Amino acid sequence: MIRIIFLILLIILGATFATLNRQEISLHYFWAWSTGSFPLYVLILASLGLGMIIGFSYGWKKRWELRSRARDLGERAKALKNDLQNLTPKEEHPQEAKPSPEVGKPPLA
């Protein structure tokens, strides 16, 4: 329910932004190259969208590197654990616990 309310609010804000920034602009680049006329909000929203794509791509790359490193470290820890188990001596027949000789005696009075 909160997501729907947030989405409706975002749509209302976007529509308001677009209607308030309807001025026609054209961009002029080097060597006398220029764009046709288009609304200002198109430029602003396109810049925002491109920035979000670049930011998400950079974040995705970092997460991928961290996951790869975590996987490598997990495999290394598992290998070290196996090495440690192979290096520790194992008893063939563990000694059984013998009952204490005082278990069956009555307490001193």
Protein backbone atom coordinates (compact mmCIF):
# COMPACT_ATOMS: atom_id res chain seq x y z
CA MET A 1 0.00 0.00 0.00
CA ILE A 2 2.84 2.38 0.85
CA ARG A 3 4.51 1.63 -2.49
CA ILE A 4 1.35 2.54 -4.37
CA ILE A 5 1.02 5.83 -2.48
CA PHE A 6 4.70 6.59 -3.12
CA LEU A 7 4.30 5.79 -6.83
CA ILE A 8 1.23 8.04 -7.14
CA LEU A 9 3.08 10.85 -5.37
CA LEU A 10 6.06 10.39 -7.69
CA ILE A 11 3.81 10.54 -10.78
CA ILE A 12 2.14 13.70 -9.53
CA LEU A 13 5.51 15.34 -8.83
CA GLY A 14 6.82 14.30 -12.27
CA ALA A 15 3.76 15.68 -14.05
CA THR A 16 4.01 18.94 -12.11
CA PHE A 17 7.72 19.21 -12.93
CA ALA A 18 7.04 18.63 -16.63
CA THR A 19 4.29 21.26 -16.80
CA LEU A 20 6.40 23.87 -14.97
CA ASN A 21 9.42 23.36 -17.26
CA ARG A 22 7.86 23.41 -20.73
CA GLN A 23 10.12 26.15 -22.11
CA GLU A 24 11.50 25.29 -25.53
CA ILE A 25 15.28 25.11 -25.72
CA SER A 26 17.88 24.06 -28.27
CA LEU A 27 21.44 23.02 -27.56
CA HIS A 28 24.40 24.36 -29.57
CA TYR A 29 27.59 22.30 -29.77
CA PHE A 30 30.99 22.79 -31.38
CA TRP A 31 31.35 23.25 -35.15
CA ALA A 32 27.93 24.85 -35.49
CA TRP A 33 26.06 21.65 -34.68
CA SER A 34 22.82 22.15 -32.76
CA THR A 35 19.74 20.23 -31.76
CA GLY A 36 16.19 21.00 -32.68
CA SER A 37 13.84 22.66 -30.26
CA PHE A 38 12.60 20.52 -27.35
CA PRO A 39 11.18 21.10 -23.85
CA LEU A 40 13.55 21.76 -20.94
CA TYR A 41 12.13 18.92 -18.83
CA VAL A 42 13.25 16.39 -21.47
CA LEU A 43 16.87 17.49 -21.02
CA ILE A 44 16.64 17.43 -17.22
CA LEU A 45 14.93 14.02 -17.04
CA ALA A 46 17.31 12.52 -19.62
CA SER A 47 20.30 13.78 -17.59
CA LEU A 48 18.80 12.36 -14.41
CA GLY A 49 18.12 9.00 -16.06
CA LEU A 50 21.63 8.79 -17.54
CA GLY A 51 23.16 9.64 -14.16
CA MET A 52 21.09 6.93 -12.47
CA ILE A 53 22.15 4.34 -15.06
CA ILE A 54 25.83 5.24 -14.63
CA GLY A 55 25.52 5.17 -10.82
CA PHE A 56 23.71 1.83 -10.75
CA SER A 57 26.25 0.34 -13.16
CA TYR A 58 29.14 1.42 -10.95
CA GLY A 59 27.41 0.06 -7.85
CA TRP A 60 26.62 -3.23 -9.59
CA LYS A 61 30.28 -3.60 -10.59
CA LYS A 62 31.43 -3.05 -7.00
CA ARG A 63 28.88 -5.54 -5.63
CA TRP A 64 29.99 -8.12 -8.21
CA GLU A 65 33.63 -7.67 -7.18
CA LEU A 66 32.75 -8.03 -3.48
CA ARG A 67 30.68 -11.17 -4.08
CA SER A 68 33.51 -12.68 -6.10
CA ARG A 69 35.98 -11.91 -3.32
CA ALA A 70 33.64 -13.36 -0.68
CA ARG A 71 33.22 -16.54 -2.71
CA ASP A 72 37.01 -16.88 -3.11
CA LEU A 73 37.58 -16.31 0.61
CA GLY A 74 34.87 -18.85 1.48
CA GLU A 75 36.53 -21.47 -0.71
CA ARG A 76 39.89 -20.66 0.86
CA ALA A 77 38.45 -20.99 4.38
CA LYS A 78 36.90 -24.33 3.47
CA ALA A 79 40.23 -25.58 2.07
CA LEU A 80 42.09 -24.43 5.20
CA LYS A 81 39.53 -26.16 7.41
CA ASN A 82 40.00 -29.40 5.47
CA ASP A 83 43.79 -29.04 5.77
CA LEU A 84 43.48 -28.49 9.50
CA GLN A 85 41.33 -31.58 9.91
CA ASN A 86 43.83 -33.64 7.91
CA LEU A 87 46.76 -32.42 9.99
CA THR A 88 45.29 -33.08 13.45
CA PRO A 89 45.94 -36.60 14.74
CA LYS A 90 42.86 -38.72 15.22
CA GLU A 91 42.65 -41.37 17.94
CA GLU A 92 41.73 -44.80 16.72
CA HIS A 93 40.01 -45.85 19.95
CA PRO A 94 39.13 -43.04 22.28
CA GLN A 95 39.49 -43.97 25.94
CA GLU A 96 36.24 -44.52 27.75
CA ALA A 97 35.70 -42.54 30.90
CA LYS A 98 36.30 -44.76 33.92
CA PRO A 99 34.01 -44.25 36.91
CA SER A 100 35.63 -42.71 39.94
CA PRO A 101 36.34 -45.22 42.78
CA GLU A 102 34.52 -42.96 45.22
CA VAL A 103 31.20 -43.16 43.42
CA GLY A 104 29.93 -46.25 45.22
CA LYS A 105 31.20 -45.33 48.76
CA PRO A 106 28.84 -43.89 51.34
CA PRO A 107 29.64 -40.38 52.56
CA LEU A 108 31.64 -40.01 55.76
CA ALA A 109 29.56 -39.34 58.82
